[in-house]
Amino acid sequence: MDYLHNFRSLYPNVKILIHSGDSETLIEKLKEKEIDIAIVMRPSMTDDYDVKTLESEPNILITPESWASSLPEEPELKDLVHLPFIMLGAMKDYTFRNDLLKSFARRGIKPDIVMECKDLPILVSLVSHELGISIIPGMNKKSLVTEHLKIYKLPQLEVTVEPVFLKLKDIPMSTAANNFWDLVN
């Protein structure tokens, strides 16, 4: 959001078209040249892209606010197995789902997965409507509608996700898109 705010301050007459979706969908839109720049979780292969890395944030546990009493103040993965779990769905070129399942398995436990969803806003809505809990990339924390949610840090979780801005290598972009790209550190 800070980048958009800065861009709008510098270029108030430029219209910005924002597409939302999971990282897999946004990368497909980038490949099809439907969008110029995407902010996504770093995919496993980035050879075809120029990449600007953003500050990584730890993954977070989100639960319905009303369920907070069933968890310790600093929950660990073992504290989650008795609750229905909504898994962020598998995406091409991403290992988040498998890495998360491996973290549970290394502890000899398994989450009670009752749903999978690739769409983060829908997943968050499912949690806020008390259909389960979830672990999501922390890069989404600032954009969450946190009403009816409790957010926990999970420092013991080894799974990491690195947010990045991507654009296709050697593909011309509009002046406005180039100016936005140049704003990103």
Protein backbone atom coordinates (compact mmCIF):
# COMPACT_ATOMS: atom_id res chain seq x y z
CA MET A 1 0.00 0.00 0.00
CA ASP A 2 2.88 2.37 0.75
CA TYR A 3 4.16 2.02 -2.81
CA LEU A 4 0.72 2.83 -4.24
CA HIS A 5 0.40 5.82 -1.91
CA ASN A 6 3.81 7.16 -2.99
CA PHE A 7 3.03 6.57 -6.65
CA ARG A 8 -0.33 8.36 -6.41
CA SER A 9 1.39 11.30 -4.70
CA LEU A 10 3.90 11.61 -7.55
CA TYR A 11 1.50 10.79 -10.40
CA PRO A 12 -2.04 11.79 -9.33
CA ASN A 13 -3.40 11.73 -12.89
CA VAL A 14 -2.38 8.14 -13.66
CA LYS A 15 -5.17 5.60 -13.43
CA ILE A 16 -4.13 2.35 -11.72
CA LEU A 17 -5.84 -0.93 -12.53
CA ILE A 18 -5.39 -3.50 -9.77
CA HIS A 19 -5.97 -7.22 -10.23
CA SER A 20 -6.19 -9.45 -7.19
CA GLY A 21 -5.79 -13.16 -6.87
CA ASP A 22 -3.47 -15.85 -5.67
CA SER A 23 0.18 -15.77 -6.73
CA GLU A 24 -0.31 -18.49 -9.33
CA THR A 25 -3.11 -16.54 -11.05
CA LEU A 26 -1.20 -13.25 -10.98
CA ILE A 27 1.87 -14.87 -12.53
CA GLU A 28 -0.30 -16.28 -15.32
CA LYS A 29 -1.69 -12.77 -15.94
CA LEU A 30 1.89 -11.46 -16.04
CA LYS A 31 2.92 -14.16 -18.56
CA GLU A 32 -0.10 -13.31 -20.73
CA LYS A 33 0.84 -9.60 -20.50
CA GLU A 34 -2.52 -8.76 -18.92
CA ILE A 35 -0.62 -6.98 -16.15
CA ASP A 36 2.80 -5.30 -16.06
CA ILE A 37 3.85 -5.94 -12.47
CA ALA A 38 2.78 -8.47 -9.85
CA ILE A 39 3.38 -8.64 -6.12
CA VAL A 40 3.42 -12.32 -5.21
CA MET A 41 5.07 -14.93 -3.06
CA ARG A 42 8.44 -15.75 -4.65
CA PRO A 43 7.95 -18.67 -7.06
CA SER A 44 10.56 -21.42 -7.27
CA MET A 45 11.61 -20.34 -10.79
CA THR A 46 12.27 -16.65 -11.51
CA ASP A 47 14.56 -16.85 -14.56
CA ASP A 48 12.03 -15.11 -16.83
CA TYR A 49 11.46 -12.19 -14.45
CA ASP A 50 13.09 -9.12 -13.04
CA VAL A 51 12.62 -9.44 -9.28
CA LYS A 52 12.53 -6.91 -6.46
CA THR A 53 12.43 -8.56 -3.06
CA LEU A 54 10.38 -7.11 -0.24
CA GLU A 55 10.94 -7.59 3.46
CA SER A 56 9.96 -11.07 4.50
CA GLU A 57 7.49 -11.49 7.33
CA PRO A 58 6.85 -14.62 9.36
CA ASN A 59 3.78 -16.68 8.62
CA ILE A 60 0.80 -16.10 10.86
CA LEU A 61 -1.95 -18.16 12.40
CA ILE A 62 -5.43 -16.73 12.01
CA THR A 63 -8.33 -17.98 14.12
CA PRO A 64 -11.85 -16.83 14.80
CA GLU A 65 -11.69 -14.35 17.66
CA SER A 66 -14.22 -16.40 19.59
CA TRP A 67 -11.87 -19.42 19.51
CA ALA A 68 -8.94 -17.60 21.15
CA SER A 69 -9.74 -19.08 24.56
CA SER A 70 -9.04 -22.58 23.18
CA LEU A 71 -5.41 -21.68 22.40
CA PRO A 72 -2.45 -20.53 24.48
CA GLU A 73 -1.25 -16.92 24.02
CA GLU A 74 1.74 -18.22 22.03
CA PRO A 75 0.42 -21.33 20.26
CA GLU A 76 2.63 -23.99 18.73
CA LEU A 77 1.67 -26.33 15.91
CA LYS A 78 0.78 -29.10 18.38
CA ASP A 79 -1.86 -26.78 19.88
CA LEU A 80 -3.72 -26.60 16.56
CA VAL A 81 -4.48 -30.22 15.74
CA HIS A 82 -7.78 -30.29 17.65
CA LEU A 83 -9.23 -27.48 15.52
CA PRO A 84 -10.57 -27.65 11.94
CA PHE A 85 -7.87 -26.36 9.57
CA ILE A 86 -8.41 -24.44 6.32
CA MET A 87 -5.34 -24.98 4.14
CA LEU A 88 -4.10 -22.46 1.63
CA GLY A 89 -4.44 -24.45 -1.59
CA ALA A 90 -1.54 -25.84 -3.61
CA MET A 91 -0.25 -23.64 -6.41
CA LYS A 92 2.05 -24.39 -9.33
CA ASP A 93 5.69 -23.41 -8.61
CA TYR A 94 4.99 -22.88 -4.90
CA THR A 95 5.90 -25.09 -1.97
CA PHE A 96 4.07 -23.31 0.88
CA ARG A 97 1.41 -26.00 1.30
CA ASN A 98 3.86 -28.90 1.25
CA ASP A 99 6.37 -27.09 3.46
CA LEU A 100 3.64 -26.42 6.01
CA LEU A 101 2.52 -30.06 6.02
CA LYS A 102 6.16 -31.13 6.47
CA SER A 103 6.44 -28.83 9.51
CA PHE A 104 3.50 -30.60 11.10
CA ALA A 105 4.89 -34.04 10.12
CA ARG A 106 8.33 -33.30 11.64
CA ARG A 107 6.52 -32.89 14.94
CA GLY A 108 4.62 -36.14 14.45
CA ILE A 109 1.27 -34.36 14.10
CA LYS A 110 -1.22 -33.74 11.34
CA PRO A 111 -3.66 -30.84 10.94
CA ASP A 112 -7.37 -31.63 10.61
CA ILE A 113 -7.78 -30.16 7.11
CA VAL A 114 -11.47 -29.60 6.45
CA MET A 115 -11.13 -27.23 3.46
CA GLU A 116 -8.58 -25.93 0.99
CA CYS A 117 -8.80 -22.55 -0.68
CA LYS A 118 -6.37 -20.69 -2.98
CA ASP A 119 -8.18 -17.38 -2.67
CA LEU A 120 -6.87 -15.60 0.42
CA PRO A 121 -9.80 -13.19 0.97
CA ILE A 122 -12.23 -16.13 0.85
CA LEU A 123 -10.00 -18.18 3.16
CA VAL A 124 -9.91 -15.30 5.67
CA SER A 125 -13.68 -14.96 5.43
CA LEU A 126 -14.08 -18.68 6.12
CA VAL A 127 -11.95 -18.30 9.25
CA SER A 128 -13.83 -15.19 10.41
CA HIS A 129 -17.09 -17.15 10.00
CA GLU A 130 -15.77 -19.80 12.40
CA LEU A 131 -15.31 -22.58 9.86
CA GLY A 132 -11.70 -23.22 10.88
CA ILE A 133 -8.24 -21.79 11.49
CA SER A 134 -5.42 -21.25 9.01
CA ILE A 135 -1.75 -20.43 8.64
CA ILE A 136 -1.04 -17.91 5.91
CA PRO A 137 1.97 -15.95 4.65
CA GLY A 138 2.61 -12.92 6.87
CA MET A 139 2.96 -10.70 3.81
CA ASN A 140 -0.84 -10.58 3.76
CA LYS A 141 -1.23 -9.39 7.35
CA LYS A 142 -1.51 -5.69 6.54
CA SER A 143 -4.28 -6.24 3.99
CA LEU A 144 -6.44 -8.51 6.17
CA VAL A 145 -9.83 -7.46 7.37
CA THR A 146 -9.20 -8.49 10.96
CA GLU A 147 -12.68 -8.05 12.34
CA HIS A 148 -13.61 -11.25 14.20
CA LEU A 149 -10.06 -12.62 13.81
CA LYS A 150 -7.25 -13.30 16.25
CA ILE A 151 -3.77 -13.23 14.71
CA TYR A 152 -0.84 -15.11 16.22
CA LYS A 153 2.84 -15.22 15.35
CA LEU A 154 4.34 -18.68 14.92
CA PRO A 155 8.08 -18.17 15.50
CA GLN A 156 8.80 -21.91 15.58
CA LEU A 157 7.44 -22.42 12.06
CA GLU A 158 10.28 -23.08 9.59
CA VAL A 159 8.19 -22.30 6.50
CA THR A 160 9.16 -19.00 4.93
CA VAL A 161 7.58 -16.97 2.16
CA GLU A 162 9.33 -14.09 0.49
CA PRO A 163 7.16 -11.40 -1.10
CA VAL A 164 8.45 -10.05 -4.40
CA PHE A 165 7.54 -7.67 -7.17
CA LEU A 166 7.90 -9.36 -10.57
CA LYS A 167 7.92 -8.11 -14.13
CA LEU A 168 8.78 -9.97 -17.29
CA LYS A 169 12.40 -9.58 -18.40
CA ASP A 170 13.05 -7.59 -21.56
CA ILE A 171 9.37 -6.79 -22.15
CA PRO A 172 8.53 -3.11 -22.66
CA MET A 173 6.10 -1.58 -20.17
CA SER A 174 4.19 1.67 -20.14
CA THR A 175 5.88 4.77 -18.75
CA ALA A 176 3.57 4.62 -15.73
CA ALA A 177 4.47 0.97 -15.01
CA ASN A 178 8.19 1.79 -15.38
CA ASN A 179 7.81 4.70 -12.99
CA PHE A 180 6.07 2.44 -10.45
CA TRP A 181 8.79 -0.23 -10.84
CA ASP A 182 11.45 2.42 -10.22
CA LEU A 183 9.74 3.41 -6.93
CA VAL A 184 10.15 -0.08 -5.50
CA ASN A 185 13.39 -0.38 -3.55
